[in-house]
């Protein structure tokens, strides 16, 4: 099974969120700032290597909390 991230809302999410294509682990690649974006919405797609390949997806919503206020 391989994993991919698609459909970022906002599109800037692809600059701070990545996924390991082999394990599906989601990682941050940059800092999150509540004042800039408070919610990231994206999809994870999992695809197998069968013939024909089958796929599934899920929606992930990441809410950034402002702990300084």
C-alpha atoms as a PDB file:
ATOM      1  CA  UNK A   1       0.000   0.000   0.000  1.00  0.00           C
ATOM      2  CA  UNK A   2       1.256   3.510  -0.829  1.00  0.00           C
ATOM      3  CA  UNK A   3      -0.046   6.766   0.644  1.00  0.00           C
ATOM      4  CA  UNK A   4      -0.365  10.280  -0.766  1.00  0.00           C
ATOM      5  CA  UNK A   5      -1.753  13.620   0.430  1.00  0.00           C
ATOM      6  CA  UNK A   6      -4.145  15.510  -1.849  1.00  0.00           C
ATOM      7  CA  UNK A   7      -6.654  18.374  -1.891  1.00  0.00           C
ATOM      8  CA  UNK A   8      -5.060  20.794   0.574  1.00  0.00           C
ATOM      9  CA  UNK A   9      -7.267  23.569   1.927  1.00  0.00           C
ATOM     10  CA  UNK A  10      -5.633  26.058   2.082  1.00  0.00           C
ATOM     11  CA  UNK A  11      -3.151  25.190  -0.696  1.00  0.00           C
ATOM     12  CA  UNK A  12      -0.271  26.421   1.493  1.00  0.00           C
ATOM     13  CA  UNK A  13      -0.738  23.232   3.546  1.00  0.00           C
ATOM     14  CA  UNK A  14       1.468  21.315   1.132  1.00  0.00           C
ATOM     15  CA  UNK A  15       4.403  23.441   2.362  1.00  0.00           C
ATOM     16  CA  UNK A  16       4.042  22.305   5.999  1.00  0.00           C
ATOM     17  CA  UNK A  17       2.484  18.809   5.848  1.00  0.00           C
ATOM     18  CA  UNK A  18       3.899  15.648   4.275  1.00  0.00           C
ATOM     19  CA  UNK A  19       3.229  11.918   4.440  1.00  0.00           C
ATOM     20  CA  UNK A  20       5.535   8.926   4.387  1.00  0.00           C
ATOM     21  CA  UNK A  21       4.389   7.085   1.224  1.00  0.00           C
ATOM     22  CA  UNK A  22       5.251   3.665   2.708  1.00  0.00           C
ATOM     23  CA  UNK A  23       3.838   3.937   6.245  1.00  0.00           C
ATOM     24  CA  UNK A  24       1.218   6.676   5.985  1.00  0.00           C
ATOM     25  CA  UNK A  25       2.737   8.668   8.869  1.00  0.00           C
ATOM     26  CA  UNK A  26       1.862  12.370   8.676  1.00  0.00           C
ATOM     27  CA  UNK A  27       4.732  14.781   9.440  1.00  0.00           C
ATOM     28  CA  UNK A  28       5.060  18.536   9.791  1.00  0.00           C
ATOM     29  CA  UNK A  29       7.757  19.999   7.560  1.00  0.00           C
ATOM     30  CA  UNK A  30       7.359  23.578   8.797  1.00  0.00           C
ATOM     31  CA  UNK A  31       6.047  25.651  11.664  1.00  0.00           C
ATOM     32  CA  UNK A  32       2.314  26.154  12.178  1.00  0.00           C
ATOM     33  CA  UNK A  33       1.056  29.629  13.072  1.00  0.00           C
ATOM     34  CA  UNK A  34      -2.481  30.110  14.383  1.00  0.00           C
ATOM     35  CA  UNK A  35      -2.546  33.727  13.197  1.00  0.00           C
ATOM     36  CA  UNK A  36      -1.835  32.659   9.591  1.00  0.00           C
ATOM     37  CA  UNK A  37      -3.934  29.469   9.290  1.00  0.00           C
ATOM     38  CA  UNK A  38      -6.031  27.923  12.056  1.00  0.00           C
ATOM     39  CA  UNK A  39      -7.384  24.860  10.172  1.00  0.00           C
ATOM     40  CA  UNK A  40      -5.835  22.610   7.526  1.00  0.00           C
ATOM     41  CA  UNK A  41      -8.111  20.243   5.628  1.00  0.00           C
ATOM     42  CA  UNK A  42      -6.670  17.534   3.373  1.00  0.00           C
ATOM     43  CA  UNK A  43      -7.222  13.998   2.095  1.00  0.00           C
ATOM     44  CA  UNK A  44      -5.064  10.913   2.451  1.00  0.00           C
ATOM     45  CA  UNK A  45      -5.277   8.393  -0.380  1.00  0.00           C
ATOM     46  CA  UNK A  46      -4.126   4.787   0.093  1.00  0.00           C
ATOM     47  CA  UNK A  47      -3.573   2.660  -3.026  1.00  0.00           C
ATOM     48  CA  UNK A  48      -2.582  -1.000  -3.231  1.00  0.00           C
ATOM     49  CA  UNK A  49      -0.427  -2.608  -5.915  1.00  0.00           C
ATOM     50  CA  UNK A  50      -2.982  -5.122  -7.126  1.00  0.00           C
ATOM     51  CA  UNK A  51      -4.283  -5.656 -10.632  1.00  0.00           C
ATOM     52  CA  UNK A  52      -6.312  -3.540 -10.940  1.00  0.00           C
ATOM     53  CA  UNK A  53      -5.088  -1.276  -8.103  1.00  0.00           C
ATOM     54  CA  UNK A  54      -7.708  -0.392  -5.504  1.00  0.00           C
ATOM     55  CA  UNK A  55      -7.708   2.808  -3.479  1.00  0.00           C
ATOM     56  CA  UNK A  56      -9.396   4.376  -0.491  1.00  0.00           C
ATOM     57  CA  UNK A  57      -9.285   7.803   1.057  1.00  0.00           C
ATOM     58  CA  UNK A  58     -10.011   9.681   4.258  1.00  0.00           C
ATOM     59  CA  UNK A  59     -10.366  13.307   5.238  1.00  0.00           C
ATOM     60  CA  UNK A  60      -8.031  14.804   7.856  1.00  0.00           C
ATOM     61  CA  UNK A  61      -8.757  18.091   9.620  1.00  0.00           C
ATOM     62  CA  UNK A  62      -5.856  19.606  11.565  1.00  0.00           C
ATOM     63  CA  UNK A  63      -6.883  22.383  13.974  1.00  0.00           C
ATOM     64  CA  UNK A  64      -4.100  24.690  15.167  1.00  0.00           C
ATOM     65  CA  UNK A  65      -4.623  25.984  18.710  1.00  0.00           C
ATOM     66  CA  UNK A  66      -3.173  29.303  19.865  1.00  0.00           C
ATOM     67  CA  UNK A  67      -1.697  28.357  23.234  1.00  0.00           C
ATOM     68  CA  UNK A  68      -0.101  31.790  23.767  1.00  0.00           C
ATOM     69  CA  UNK A  69      -3.445  33.562  24.207  1.00  0.00           C
END
